[in-house]
Amino acid sequence: MLSFESVLYIAGMVGVAVFAISGALAAAEEKLDILSFVLFATVTGIGGGTVRDLFLNVPQVFWVADPFYLYTTIAAAVITYFFSHLLVSISRSLLWMDAAGLALFSVLGTAKAMAMNVDPVVAIAMGMITPTFGSIVRDILLGHKLVLLEPEIYVTAALLGGGGYFILRGVLAIDEVTAILLAVAAAFMLRAAAMIWDLRLPKLKDPINP
């Protein structure tokens, strides 16, 4: 049976690949060259995890300690470059890949922080930072509206993933793998529902003039 560390490693690699593909799809939308695909795949795939590790004062950032994460982003970029033309809708595919990455990284960011015995609020915050930072940089570089500023629920899904994992694992003491699967599923389903049915939280209304 796989150890918890192995499960985290595999899930982390999948998360990096998924987010890297979303970055490459963003480059495909702009019809950029293959090196730009690699750039956006890398920034999106490892950006959030890099910030997380820096905040947590990890001795070596994860992709420096294990360059295979970097190789994964490059492979994802190259594959997307050659096959993105087969997609019916690049923009819609980008949103779905981003949703999958959001769900995975919100949980994995919290799990890594919890393993370092940080404060619970910090752990959940890491679960919100890990999936969003790479997407922020991707959208800024491309001049797109930030995905987390879209009206549909986004950051709330990350909060559900990270907070859900903390409750399942840290409070209810459910086994690690089950907690990860349930929390990832919950975060993904909330984001998916927001995309399909245009779910959104109420906005601050303009103040009433006297």
N, C-alpha and C. Protein backbone atom coordinates (compact mmCIF):
# COMPACT_ATOMS: atom_id res chain seq x y z
N MET A 1 0.85 -1.20 0.00
CA MET A 1 0.00 0.00 0.00
C MET A 1 0.88 1.25 0.00
N LEU A 2 0.48 2.26 -0.75
CA LEU A 2 1.26 3.48 -0.83
C LEU A 2 1.26 4.22 0.50
N SER A 3 2.41 4.79 0.85
CA SER A 3 2.50 5.60 2.05
C SER A 3 1.83 6.95 1.80
N PHE A 4 1.57 7.68 2.88
CA PHE A 4 0.95 8.99 2.74
C PHE A 4 1.85 9.93 1.95
N GLU A 5 3.16 9.82 2.18
CA GLU A 5 4.11 10.66 1.44
C GLU A 5 4.04 10.37 -0.05
N SER A 6 3.88 9.09 -0.40
CA SER A 6 3.79 8.73 -1.82
C SER A 6 2.50 9.26 -2.44
N VAL A 7 1.41 9.19 -1.67
CA VAL A 7 0.13 9.72 -2.16
C VAL A 7 0.24 11.22 -2.40
N LEU A 8 0.85 11.94 -1.45
CA LEU A 8 1.03 13.38 -1.60
C LEU A 8 1.89 13.70 -2.82
N TYR A 9 2.94 12.90 -3.02
CA TYR A 9 3.85 13.13 -4.14
C TYR A 9 3.13 12.95 -5.47
N ILE A 10 2.39 11.85 -5.58
CA ILE A 10 1.67 11.58 -6.83
C ILE A 10 0.61 12.64 -7.08
N ALA A 11 -0.14 12.97 -6.03
CA ALA A 11 -1.19 13.99 -6.17
C ALA A 11 -0.58 15.34 -6.53
N GLY A 12 0.56 15.65 -5.92
CA GLY A 12 1.24 16.90 -6.22
C GLY A 12 1.71 16.97 -7.66
N MET A 13 2.21 15.84 -8.17
CA MET A 13 2.67 15.79 -9.55
C MET A 13 1.49 15.97 -10.51
N VAL A 14 0.38 15.32 -10.18
CA VAL A 14 -0.83 15.48 -11.01
C VAL A 14 -1.31 16.93 -10.98
N GLY A 15 -1.29 17.53 -9.79
CA GLY A 15 -1.70 18.92 -9.67
C GLY A 15 -0.84 19.86 -10.49
N VAL A 16 0.48 19.65 -10.44
CA VAL A 16 1.40 20.47 -11.23
C VAL A 16 1.11 20.30 -12.72
N ALA A 17 0.89 19.06 -13.14
CA ALA A 17 0.61 18.79 -14.56
C ALA A 17 -0.68 19.46 -15.00
N VAL A 18 -1.71 19.36 -14.17
CA VAL A 18 -3.01 19.95 -14.52
C VAL A 18 -2.92 21.47 -14.63
N PHE A 19 -2.28 22.09 -13.65
CA PHE A 19 -2.14 23.54 -13.70
C PHE A 19 -1.22 23.98 -14.84
N ALA A 20 -0.19 23.17 -15.12
CA ALA A 20 0.71 23.48 -16.23
C ALA A 20 -0.06 23.46 -17.55
N ILE A 21 -0.94 22.48 -17.71
CA ILE A 21 -1.76 22.41 -18.92
C ILE A 21 -2.65 23.64 -19.03
N SER A 22 -3.20 24.10 -17.90
CA SER A 22 -4.04 25.30 -17.94
C SER A 22 -3.23 26.51 -18.38
N GLY A 23 -1.98 26.59 -17.93
CA GLY A 23 -1.11 27.68 -18.37
C GLY A 23 -0.80 27.59 -19.84
N ALA A 24 -0.55 26.37 -20.32
CA ALA A 24 -0.27 26.18 -21.74
C ALA A 24 -1.50 26.48 -22.59
N LEU A 25 -2.68 26.14 -22.09
CA LEU A 25 -3.91 26.45 -22.82
C LEU A 25 -4.14 27.97 -22.91
N ALA A 26 -3.72 28.68 -21.86
CA ALA A 26 -3.81 30.14 -21.92
C ALA A 26 -2.91 30.68 -23.02
N ALA A 27 -1.74 30.07 -23.19
CA ALA A 27 -0.84 30.45 -24.29
C ALA A 27 -1.46 30.08 -25.63
N ALA A 28 -2.17 28.95 -25.67
CA ALA A 28 -2.82 28.52 -26.92
C ALA A 28 -3.89 29.52 -27.34
N GLU A 29 -4.61 30.05 -26.36
CA GLU A 29 -5.64 31.06 -26.67
C GLU A 29 -5.05 32.26 -27.40
N GLU A 30 -3.81 32.60 -27.03
CA GLU A 30 -3.15 33.76 -27.64
C GLU A 30 -2.33 33.37 -28.87
N LYS A 31 -2.34 32.06 -29.21
CA LYS A 31 -1.58 31.57 -30.37
C LYS A 31 -0.10 31.94 -30.28
N LEU A 32 0.51 31.64 -29.12
CA LEU A 32 1.91 31.96 -28.88
C LEU A 32 2.82 30.83 -29.35
N ASP A 33 4.14 31.05 -29.28
CA ASP A 33 5.10 30.04 -29.72
C ASP A 33 5.35 29.02 -28.61
N ILE A 34 6.10 27.98 -28.93
CA ILE A 34 6.26 26.87 -28.00
C ILE A 34 7.02 27.27 -26.74
N LEU A 35 7.97 28.20 -26.84
CA LEU A 35 8.68 28.65 -25.64
C LEU A 35 7.75 29.41 -24.70
N SER A 36 6.81 30.13 -25.26
CA SER A 36 5.81 30.81 -24.43
C SER A 36 4.90 29.80 -23.74
N PHE A 37 4.59 28.71 -24.44
CA PHE A 37 3.82 27.63 -23.81
C PHE A 37 4.57 27.12 -22.58
N VAL A 38 5.87 26.88 -22.74
CA VAL A 38 6.68 26.37 -21.62
C VAL A 38 6.70 27.38 -20.48
N LEU A 39 6.85 28.65 -20.81
CA LEU A 39 6.88 29.69 -19.78
C LEU A 39 5.59 29.72 -18.97
N PHE A 40 4.46 29.77 -19.65
CA PHE A 40 3.18 29.89 -18.94
C PHE A 40 2.81 28.59 -18.22
N ALA A 41 3.19 27.46 -18.80
CA ALA A 41 2.95 26.19 -18.11
C ALA A 41 3.76 26.12 -16.82
N THR A 42 5.00 26.58 -16.88
CA THR A 42 5.87 26.52 -15.71
C THR A 42 5.42 27.49 -14.62
N VAL A 43 5.14 28.72 -15.01
CA VAL A 43 4.69 29.72 -14.04
C VAL A 43 3.41 29.27 -13.35
N THR A 44 2.49 28.75 -14.13
CA THR A 44 1.20 28.33 -13.56
C THR A 44 1.33 27.04 -12.75
N GLY A 45 2.16 26.12 -13.24
CA GLY A 45 2.27 24.82 -12.58
C GLY A 45 2.98 24.86 -11.25
N ILE A 46 4.03 25.68 -11.13
CA ILE A 46 4.83 25.66 -9.90
C ILE A 46 4.79 26.97 -9.12
N GLY A 47 4.11 27.99 -9.66
CA GLY A 47 4.12 29.30 -9.02
C GLY A 47 3.54 29.30 -7.61
N GLY A 48 2.35 28.73 -7.46
CA GLY A 48 1.70 28.73 -6.15
C GLY A 48 2.45 27.92 -5.12
N GLY A 49 2.95 26.75 -5.52
CA GLY A 49 3.72 25.92 -4.60
C GLY A 49 5.01 26.58 -4.18
N THR A 50 5.60 27.36 -5.08
CA THR A 50 6.83 28.09 -4.76
C THR A 50 6.57 29.11 -3.66
N VAL A 51 5.52 29.89 -3.82
CA VAL A 51 5.16 30.88 -2.80
C VAL A 51 4.84 30.20 -1.47
N ARG A 52 4.11 29.10 -1.52
CA ARG A 52 3.79 28.35 -0.30
C ARG A 52 5.06 27.93 0.44
N ASP A 53 6.02 27.35 -0.29
CA ASP A 53 7.24 26.88 0.35
C ASP A 53 8.07 28.04 0.91
N LEU A 54 8.06 29.17 0.23
CA LEU A 54 8.78 30.34 0.73
C LEU A 54 8.13 30.86 2.01
N PHE A 55 6.80 30.91 2.04
CA PHE A 55 6.09 31.35 3.24
C PHE A 55 6.32 30.39 4.41
N LEU A 56 6.39 29.11 4.11
CA LEU A 56 6.58 28.11 5.16
C LEU A 56 8.04 27.92 5.53
N ASN A 57 8.92 28.67 4.87
CA ASN A 57 10.36 28.61 5.14
C ASN A 57 10.92 27.20 4.94
N VAL A 58 10.46 26.54 3.88
CA VAL A 58 10.97 25.21 3.54
C VAL A 58 12.41 25.37 3.05
N PRO A 59 13.35 24.53 3.52
CA PRO A 59 14.77 24.68 3.14
C PRO A 59 15.00 24.73 1.63
N GLN A 60 14.32 23.87 0.88
CA GLN A 60 14.42 23.88 -0.58
C GLN A 60 13.02 23.87 -1.19
N VAL A 61 12.77 24.81 -2.08
CA VAL A 61 11.50 24.84 -2.79
C VAL A 61 11.31 23.50 -3.49
N PHE A 62 10.08 23.02 -3.54
CA PHE A 62 9.81 21.64 -3.95
C PHE A 62 10.38 21.28 -5.31
N TRP A 63 10.32 22.18 -6.28
CA TRP A 63 10.79 21.81 -7.62
C TRP A 63 12.30 21.94 -7.75
N VAL A 64 12.94 22.63 -6.81
CA VAL A 64 14.41 22.65 -6.76
C VAL A 64 14.91 21.35 -6.14
N ALA A 65 14.21 20.89 -5.10
CA ALA A 65 14.57 19.62 -4.47
C ALA A 65 14.31 18.44 -5.39
N ASP A 66 13.28 18.54 -6.21
CA ASP A 66 12.93 17.46 -7.14
C ASP A 66 12.60 18.07 -8.51
N PRO A 67 13.59 18.18 -9.39
CA PRO A 67 13.38 18.82 -10.70
C PRO A 67 12.35 18.12 -11.58
N PHE A 68 11.91 16.92 -11.21
CA PHE A 68 10.93 16.22 -12.04
C PHE A 68 9.63 17.02 -12.14
N TYR A 69 9.35 17.83 -11.12
CA TYR A 69 8.18 18.72 -11.20
C TYR A 69 8.35 19.68 -12.38
N LEU A 70 9.56 20.22 -12.52
CA LEU A 70 9.83 21.14 -13.62
C LEU A 70 9.74 20.43 -14.96
N TYR A 71 10.27 19.22 -15.02
CA TYR A 71 10.18 18.44 -16.26
C TYR A 71 8.72 18.18 -16.63
N THR A 72 7.90 17.99 -15.61
CA THR A 72 6.47 17.74 -15.85
C THR A 72 5.80 18.94 -16.50
N THR A 73 6.14 20.14 -16.03
CA THR A 73 5.54 21.34 -16.63
C THR A 73 5.98 21.50 -18.09
N ILE A 74 7.24 21.18 -18.36
CA ILE A 74 7.75 21.29 -19.74
C ILE A 74 7.04 20.28 -20.64
N ALA A 75 6.91 19.04 -20.14
CA ALA A 75 6.23 18.01 -20.93
C ALA A 75 4.78 18.40 -21.19
N ALA A 76 4.11 18.93 -20.17
CA ALA A 76 2.72 19.36 -20.33
C ALA A 76 2.60 20.45 -21.38
N ALA A 77 3.57 21.37 -21.38
CA ALA A 77 3.55 22.46 -22.35
C ALA A 77 3.71 21.95 -23.77
N VAL A 78 4.67 21.05 -23.96
CA VAL A 78 4.94 20.53 -25.31
C VAL A 78 3.75 19.73 -25.83
N ILE A 79 3.19 18.88 -24.97
CA ILE A 79 2.03 18.07 -25.39
C ILE A 79 0.85 18.97 -25.75
N THR A 80 0.61 19.98 -24.91
CA THR A 80 -0.50 20.89 -25.18
C THR A 80 -0.27 21.67 -26.47
N TYR A 81 0.97 22.05 -26.72
CA TYR A 81 1.29 22.80 -27.95
C TYR A 81 0.91 22.02 -29.20
N PHE A 82 1.17 20.73 -29.18
CA PHE A 82 0.93 19.93 -30.38
C PHE A 82 -0.51 19.40 -30.49
N PHE A 83 -1.23 19.38 -29.37
CA PHE A 83 -2.56 18.76 -29.42
C PHE A 83 -3.71 19.71 -29.06
N SER A 84 -3.41 20.95 -28.69
CA SER A 84 -4.49 21.86 -28.28
C SER A 84 -5.47 22.14 -29.41
N HIS A 85 -5.02 22.01 -30.66
CA HIS A 85 -5.92 22.28 -31.78
C HIS A 85 -7.05 21.26 -31.89
N LEU A 86 -6.92 20.14 -31.16
CA LEU A 86 -7.96 19.11 -31.21
C LEU A 86 -9.13 19.45 -30.28
N LEU A 87 -8.94 20.41 -29.39
CA LEU A 87 -9.99 20.76 -28.43
C LEU A 87 -11.08 21.57 -29.11
N VAL A 88 -12.32 21.28 -28.74
CA VAL A 88 -13.46 22.02 -29.29
C VAL A 88 -13.42 23.47 -28.81
N SER A 89 -13.13 23.65 -27.53
CA SER A 89 -13.08 25.00 -26.96
C SER A 89 -11.88 25.10 -26.03
N ILE A 90 -10.87 25.85 -26.44
CA ILE A 90 -9.68 26.00 -25.61
C ILE A 90 -10.02 26.75 -24.33
N SER A 91 -10.81 27.80 -24.43
CA SER A 91 -11.12 28.61 -23.26
C SER A 91 -11.90 27.80 -22.22
N ARG A 92 -12.83 26.96 -22.67
CA ARG A 92 -13.60 26.14 -21.73
C ARG A 92 -12.72 25.07 -21.11
N SER A 93 -11.85 24.48 -21.92
CA SER A 93 -10.92 23.47 -21.41
C SER A 93 -9.99 24.08 -20.37
N LEU A 94 -9.56 25.32 -20.61
CA LEU A 94 -8.71 26.02 -19.66
C LEU A 94 -9.41 26.15 -18.31
N LEU A 95 -10.68 26.53 -18.32
CA LEU A 95 -11.42 26.69 -17.07
C LEU A 95 -11.55 25.38 -16.31
N TRP A 96 -11.77 24.27 -17.03
CA TRP A 96 -11.92 22.98 -16.37
C TRP A 96 -10.60 22.48 -15.80
N MET A 97 -9.51 22.68 -16.53
CA MET A 97 -8.20 22.28 -16.01
C MET A 97 -7.84 23.14 -14.80
N ASP A 98 -8.17 24.42 -14.86
CA ASP A 98 -7.91 25.31 -13.74
C ASP A 98 -8.72 24.87 -12.52
N ALA A 99 -9.95 24.44 -12.73
CA ALA A 99 -10.79 23.97 -11.62
C ALA A 99 -10.20 22.73 -10.97
N ALA A 100 -9.70 21.81 -11.80
CA ALA A 100 -9.08 20.59 -11.26
C ALA A 100 -7.82 20.93 -10.47
N GLY A 101 -7.00 21.84 -11.01
CA GLY A 101 -5.79 22.25 -10.30
C GLY A 101 -6.12 22.96 -9.00
N LEU A 102 -7.15 23.80 -9.03
CA LEU A 102 -7.59 24.50 -7.83
C LEU A 102 -7.95 23.51 -6.73
N ALA A 103 -8.72 22.50 -7.07
CA ALA A 103 -9.16 21.52 -6.08
C ALA A 103 -7.97 20.75 -5.49
N LEU A 104 -7.08 20.29 -6.35
CA LEU A 104 -5.93 19.52 -5.89
C LEU A 104 -5.00 20.36 -5.01
N PHE A 105 -4.64 21.53 -5.49
CA PHE A 105 -3.64 22.33 -4.77
C PHE A 105 -4.18 22.95 -3.49
N SER A 106 -5.49 23.21 -3.42
CA SER A 106 -6.04 23.74 -2.17
C SER A 106 -5.87 22.73 -1.05
N VAL A 107 -6.07 21.47 -1.37
CA VAL A 107 -5.93 20.40 -0.38
C VAL A 107 -4.46 20.10 -0.09
N LEU A 108 -3.66 19.99 -1.14
CA LEU A 108 -2.25 19.65 -0.95
C LEU A 108 -1.48 20.76 -0.24
N GLY A 109 -1.85 22.01 -0.52
CA GLY A 109 -1.20 23.12 0.18
C GLY A 109 -1.48 23.07 1.67
N THR A 110 -2.71 22.78 2.02
CA THR A 110 -3.07 22.65 3.44
C THR A 110 -2.40 21.44 4.07
N ALA A 111 -2.36 20.33 3.34
CA ALA A 111 -1.75 19.10 3.87
C ALA A 111 -0.27 19.31 4.16
N LYS A 112 0.44 19.98 3.26
CA LYS A 112 1.87 20.21 3.48
C LYS A 112 2.09 21.12 4.68
N ALA A 113 1.25 22.14 4.82
CA ALA A 113 1.38 23.05 5.95
C ALA A 113 1.07 22.34 7.26
N MET A 114 0.04 21.49 7.26
CA MET A 114 -0.29 20.74 8.47
C MET A 114 0.83 19.80 8.87
N ALA A 115 1.51 19.23 7.89
CA ALA A 115 2.63 18.33 8.18
C ALA A 115 3.77 19.06 8.87
N MET A 116 3.81 20.39 8.72
CA MET A 116 4.85 21.19 9.36
C MET A 116 4.37 21.78 10.68
N ASN A 117 3.18 21.35 11.12
CA ASN A 117 2.63 21.73 12.42
C ASN A 117 2.46 23.24 12.60
N VAL A 118 2.01 23.90 11.54
CA VAL A 118 1.74 25.33 11.66
C VAL A 118 0.34 25.53 12.23
N ASP A 119 0.01 26.77 12.54
CA ASP A 119 -1.32 27.10 13.04
C ASP A 119 -2.38 26.71 12.02
N PRO A 120 -3.53 26.20 12.47
CA PRO A 120 -4.58 25.78 11.54
C PRO A 120 -4.99 26.85 10.53
N VAL A 121 -5.09 28.10 10.99
CA VAL A 121 -5.48 29.17 10.07
C VAL A 121 -4.41 29.36 8.99
N VAL A 122 -3.14 29.25 9.38
CA VAL A 122 -2.05 29.35 8.41
C VAL A 122 -2.12 28.21 7.41
N ALA A 123 -2.41 27.01 7.91
CA ALA A 123 -2.49 25.84 7.02
C ALA A 123 -3.59 26.02 5.97
N ILE A 124 -4.74 26.51 6.41
CA ILE A 124 -5.85 26.72 5.47
C ILE A 124 -5.51 27.86 4.50
N ALA A 125 -4.82 28.89 5.01
CA ALA A 125 -4.40 29.99 4.14
C ALA A 125 -3.46 29.48 3.05
N MET A 126 -2.57 28.55 3.40
CA MET A 126 -1.67 27.97 2.40
C MET A 126 -2.46 27.22 1.34
N GLY A 127 -3.59 26.64 1.77
CA GLY A 127 -4.45 25.96 0.82
C GLY A 127 -5.15 26.90 -0.13
N MET A 128 -5.26 28.16 0.25
CA MET A 128 -5.87 29.16 -0.63
C MET A 128 -4.81 29.83 -1.52
N ILE A 129 -3.60 29.98 -1.00
CA ILE A 129 -2.53 30.62 -1.76
C ILE A 129 -1.97 29.70 -2.83
N THR A 130 -1.78 28.42 -2.49
CA THR A 130 -1.13 27.48 -3.40
C THR A 130 -1.83 27.38 -4.76
N PRO A 131 -3.15 27.27 -4.83
CA PRO A 131 -3.77 27.14 -6.15
C PRO A 131 -4.03 28.46 -6.87
N THR A 132 -3.92 29.58 -6.18
CA THR A 132 -4.31 30.84 -6.81
C THR A 132 -3.15 31.66 -7.35
N PHE A 133 -1.97 31.54 -6.75
CA PHE A 133 -0.88 32.45 -7.13
C PHE A 133 -0.41 32.22 -8.56
N GLY A 134 -0.25 30.95 -8.95
CA GLY A 134 0.19 30.67 -10.32
C GLY A 134 -0.79 31.19 -11.34
N SER A 135 -2.09 31.04 -11.05
CA SER A 135 -3.12 31.55 -11.96
C SER A 135 -3.09 33.06 -12.05
N ILE A 136 -2.82 33.71 -10.91
CA ILE A 136 -2.74 35.18 -10.90
C ILE A 136 -1.61 35.66 -11.82
N VAL A 137 -0.43 35.06 -11.66
CA VAL A 137 0.72 35.45 -12.49
C VAL A 137 0.43 35.18 -13.97
N ARG A 138 -0.15 34.03 -14.26
CA ARG A 138 -0.50 33.68 -15.65
C ARG A 138 -1.40 34.74 -16.27
N ASP A 139 -2.44 35.12 -15.54
CA ASP A 139 -3.41 36.07 -16.09
C ASP A 139 -2.82 37.47 -16.22
N ILE A 140 -1.97 37.86 -15.26
CA ILE A 140 -1.34 39.18 -15.33
C ILE A 140 -0.41 39.26 -16.54
N LEU A 141 0.41 38.24 -16.74
CA LEU A 141 1.35 38.25 -17.86
C LEU A 141 0.63 38.29 -19.21
N LEU A 142 -0.54 37.66 -19.27
CA LEU A 142 -1.29 37.63 -20.53
C LEU A 142 -2.25 38.81 -20.68
N GLY A 143 -2.35 39.61 -19.63
CA GLY A 143 -3.27 40.75 -19.68
C GLY A 143 -4.72 40.34 -19.60
N HIS A 144 -4.99 39.16 -19.02
CA HIS A 144 -6.36 38.69 -18.87
C HIS A 144 -6.95 39.17 -17.55
N LYS A 145 -8.26 39.20 -17.47
CA LYS A 145 -8.91 39.44 -16.19
C LYS A 145 -8.59 38.26 -15.28
N LEU A 146 -8.19 38.56 -14.04
CA LEU A 146 -7.81 37.50 -13.11
C LEU A 146 -8.97 36.53 -12.92
N VAL A 147 -8.67 35.23 -13.00
CA VAL A 147 -9.73 34.23 -12.88
C VAL A 147 -10.39 34.31 -11.52
N LEU A 148 -9.63 34.68 -10.48
CA LEU A 148 -10.23 34.73 -9.15
C LEU A 148 -11.11 35.97 -8.97
N LEU A 149 -11.08 36.88 -9.95
CA LEU A 149 -11.98 38.04 -9.91
C LEU A 149 -13.24 37.83 -10.73
N GLU A 150 -13.33 36.67 -11.37
CA GLU A 150 -14.55 36.35 -12.09
C GLU A 150 -15.70 36.25 -11.08
N PRO A 151 -16.92 36.54 -11.49
CA PRO A 151 -18.03 36.56 -10.53
C PRO A 151 -18.35 35.20 -9.92
N GLU A 152 -18.08 34.10 -10.67
CA GLU A 152 -18.40 32.79 -10.12
C GLU A 152 -17.48 32.45 -8.94
N ILE A 153 -17.97 31.58 -8.09
CA ILE A 153 -17.21 31.16 -6.91
C ILE A 153 -15.87 30.57 -7.33
N TYR A 154 -14.78 31.06 -6.73
CA TYR A 154 -13.43 30.56 -7.02
C TYR A 154 -12.63 30.37 -5.73
N VAL A 155 -12.33 31.48 -5.06
CA VAL A 155 -11.56 31.39 -3.82
C VAL A 155 -12.32 30.58 -2.78
N THR A 156 -13.64 30.68 -2.78
CA THR A 156 -14.44 29.91 -1.83
C THR A 156 -14.25 28.42 -2.02
N ALA A 157 -14.07 27.98 -3.27
CA ALA A 157 -13.82 26.56 -3.53
C ALA A 157 -12.48 26.14 -2.95
N ALA A 158 -11.47 27.03 -3.05
CA ALA A 158 -10.17 26.74 -2.45
C ALA A 158 -10.28 26.66 -0.93
N LEU A 159 -11.08 27.56 -0.36
CA LEU A 159 -11.31 27.53 1.09
C LEU A 159 -11.99 26.24 1.51
N LEU A 160 -12.95 25.79 0.72
CA LEU A 160 -13.65 24.53 1.02
C LEU A 160 -12.67 23.36 0.96
N GLY A 161 -11.79 23.35 -0.04
CA GLY A 161 -10.83 22.25 -0.15
C GLY A 161 -9.87 22.21 1.02
N GLY A 162 -9.24 23.35 1.31
CA GLY A 162 -8.28 23.40 2.41
C GLY A 162 -8.94 23.23 3.77
N GLY A 163 -10.04 23.97 3.98
CA GLY A 163 -10.75 23.86 5.25
C GLY A 163 -11.37 22.50 5.45
N GLY A 164 -11.90 21.94 4.36
CA GLY A 164 -12.49 20.60 4.45
C GLY A 164 -11.46 19.55 4.81
N TYR A 165 -10.27 19.65 4.21
CA TYR A 165 -9.22 18.68 4.54
C TYR A 165 -8.81 18.82 6.00
N PHE A 166 -8.69 20.06 6.47
CA PHE A 166 -8.29 20.25 7.87
C PHE A 166 -9.31 19.63 8.82
N ILE A 167 -10.59 19.83 8.54
CA ILE A 167 -11.62 19.27 9.41
C ILE A 167 -11.61 17.74 9.35
N LEU A 168 -11.53 17.20 8.14
CA LEU A 168 -11.56 15.74 7.98
C LEU A 168 -10.35 15.08 8.62
N ARG A 169 -9.19 15.65 8.40
CA ARG A 169 -7.96 15.02 8.90
C ARG A 169 -7.59 15.49 10.30
N GLY A 170 -7.61 16.82 10.50
CA GLY A 170 -7.13 17.36 11.77
C GLY A 170 -8.13 17.27 12.90
N VAL A 171 -9.42 17.32 12.60
CA VAL A 171 -10.45 17.30 13.64
C VAL A 171 -11.09 15.92 13.76
N LEU A 172 -11.53 15.36 12.64
CA LEU A 172 -12.23 14.07 12.66
C LEU A 172 -11.28 12.88 12.57
N ALA A 173 -10.00 13.15 12.29
CA ALA A 173 -8.96 12.11 12.23
C ALA A 173 -9.27 11.01 11.21
N ILE A 174 -9.91 11.38 10.11
CA ILE A 174 -10.12 10.43 9.01
C ILE A 174 -8.78 10.15 8.36
N ASP A 175 -8.60 8.95 7.81
CA ASP A 175 -7.31 8.61 7.22
C ASP A 175 -6.96 9.58 6.09
N GLU A 176 -5.64 9.76 5.87
CA GLU A 176 -5.16 10.82 4.99
C GLU A 176 -5.70 10.73 3.57
N VAL A 177 -5.65 9.54 3.00
CA VAL A 177 -6.05 9.38 1.60
C VAL A 177 -7.52 9.70 1.41
N THR A 178 -8.36 9.17 2.31
CA THR A 178 -9.80 9.45 2.22
C THR A 178 -10.08 10.94 2.39
N ALA A 179 -9.37 11.56 3.34
CA ALA A 179 -9.56 12.99 3.57
C ALA A 179 -9.19 13.80 2.33
N ILE A 180 -8.09 13.43 1.68
CA ILE A 180 -7.67 14.13 0.46
C ILE A 180 -8.72 13.98 -0.64
N LEU A 181 -9.16 12.74 -0.86
CA LEU A 181 -10.13 12.48 -1.93
C LEU A 181 -11.43 13.24 -1.70
N LEU A 182 -11.93 13.21 -0.48
CA LEU A 182 -13.20 13.89 -0.18
C LEU A 182 -13.07 15.40 -0.32
N ALA A 183 -11.97 15.95 0.19
CA ALA A 183 -11.79 17.40 0.13
C ALA A 183 -11.58 17.89 -1.30
N VAL A 184 -10.79 17.14 -2.08
CA VAL A 184 -10.58 17.50 -3.48
C VAL A 184 -11.90 17.45 -4.25
N ALA A 185 -12.67 16.39 -4.01
CA ALA A 185 -13.95 16.24 -4.70
C ALA A 185 -14.90 17.39 -4.34
N ALA A 186 -14.93 17.76 -3.07
CA ALA A 186 -15.82 18.84 -2.64
C ALA A 186 -15.44 20.17 -3.30
N ALA A 187 -14.13 20.47 -3.30
CA ALA A 187 -13.67 21.73 -3.91
C ALA A 187 -13.95 21.75 -5.41
N PHE A 188 -13.69 20.63 -6.07
CA PHE A 188 -13.91 20.58 -7.52
C PHE A 188 -15.39 20.70 -7.85
N MET A 189 -16.24 20.01 -7.10
CA MET A 189 -17.67 20.06 -7.39
C MET A 189 -18.24 21.45 -7.17
N LEU A 190 -17.75 22.16 -6.14
CA LEU A 190 -18.23 23.52 -5.91
C LEU A 190 -17.82 24.44 -7.06
N ARG A 191 -16.56 24.34 -7.47
CA ARG A 191 -16.11 25.18 -8.59
C ARG A 191 -16.83 24.81 -9.88
N ALA A 192 -17.02 23.51 -10.10
CA ALA A 192 -17.73 23.06 -11.30
C ALA A 192 -19.17 23.57 -11.30
N ALA A 193 -19.83 23.48 -10.15
CA ALA A 193 -21.21 23.96 -10.05
C ALA A 193 -21.27 25.47 -10.30
N ALA A 194 -20.27 26.19 -9.80
CA ALA A 194 -20.23 27.64 -10.02
C ALA A 194 -20.09 27.96 -11.50
N MET A 195 -19.29 27.16 -12.22
CA MET A 195 -19.09 27.39 -13.65
C MET A 195 -20.35 27.04 -14.45
N ILE A 196 -21.01 25.95 -14.06
CA ILE A 196 -22.17 25.48 -14.83
C ILE A 196 -23.41 26.33 -14.56
N TRP A 197 -23.64 26.63 -13.29
CA TRP A 197 -24.87 27.34 -12.92
C TRP A 197 -24.64 28.79 -12.51
N ASP A 198 -23.42 29.28 -12.73
CA ASP A 198 -23.12 30.69 -12.46
C ASP A 198 -23.36 31.04 -10.99
N LEU A 199 -22.92 30.16 -10.10
CA LEU A 199 -23.06 30.43 -8.67
C LEU A 199 -22.08 31.51 -8.25
N ARG A 200 -22.52 32.39 -7.40
CA ARG A 200 -21.65 33.46 -6.94
C ARG A 200 -22.09 33.93 -5.57
N LEU A 201 -21.14 34.46 -4.81
CA LEU A 201 -21.48 35.05 -3.52
C LEU A 201 -22.01 36.46 -3.74
N PRO A 202 -22.84 36.94 -2.82
CA PRO A 202 -23.36 38.31 -2.98
C PRO A 202 -22.24 39.33 -2.89
N LYS A 203 -22.32 40.36 -3.73
CA LYS A 203 -21.31 41.41 -3.73
C LYS A 203 -21.71 42.53 -2.78
N LEU A 204 -20.70 43.31 -2.39
CA LEU A 204 -20.96 44.49 -1.57
C LEU A 204 -21.75 45.49 -2.40
N LYS A 205 -22.85 45.94 -1.86
CA LYS A 205 -23.69 46.89 -2.58
C LYS A 205 -23.15 48.31 -2.41
N ASP A 206 -23.47 49.15 -3.37
CA ASP A 206 -23.07 50.55 -3.26
C ASP A 206 -23.74 51.16 -2.04
N PRO A 207 -23.00 52.02 -1.32
CA PRO A 207 -23.62 52.67 -0.15
C PRO A 207 -24.79 53.55 -0.56
N ILE A 208 -25.76 53.59 0.31
CA ILE A 208 -26.95 54.42 0.05
C ILE A 208 -26.62 55.88 0.38
N ASN A 209 -26.77 56.72 -0.59
CA ASN A 209 -26.49 58.15 -0.36
C ASN A 209 -27.59 58.75 0.51
N PRO A 210 -27.20 59.55 1.48
CA PRO A 210 -28.21 60.17 2.35
C PRO A 210 -29.02 61.20 1.59
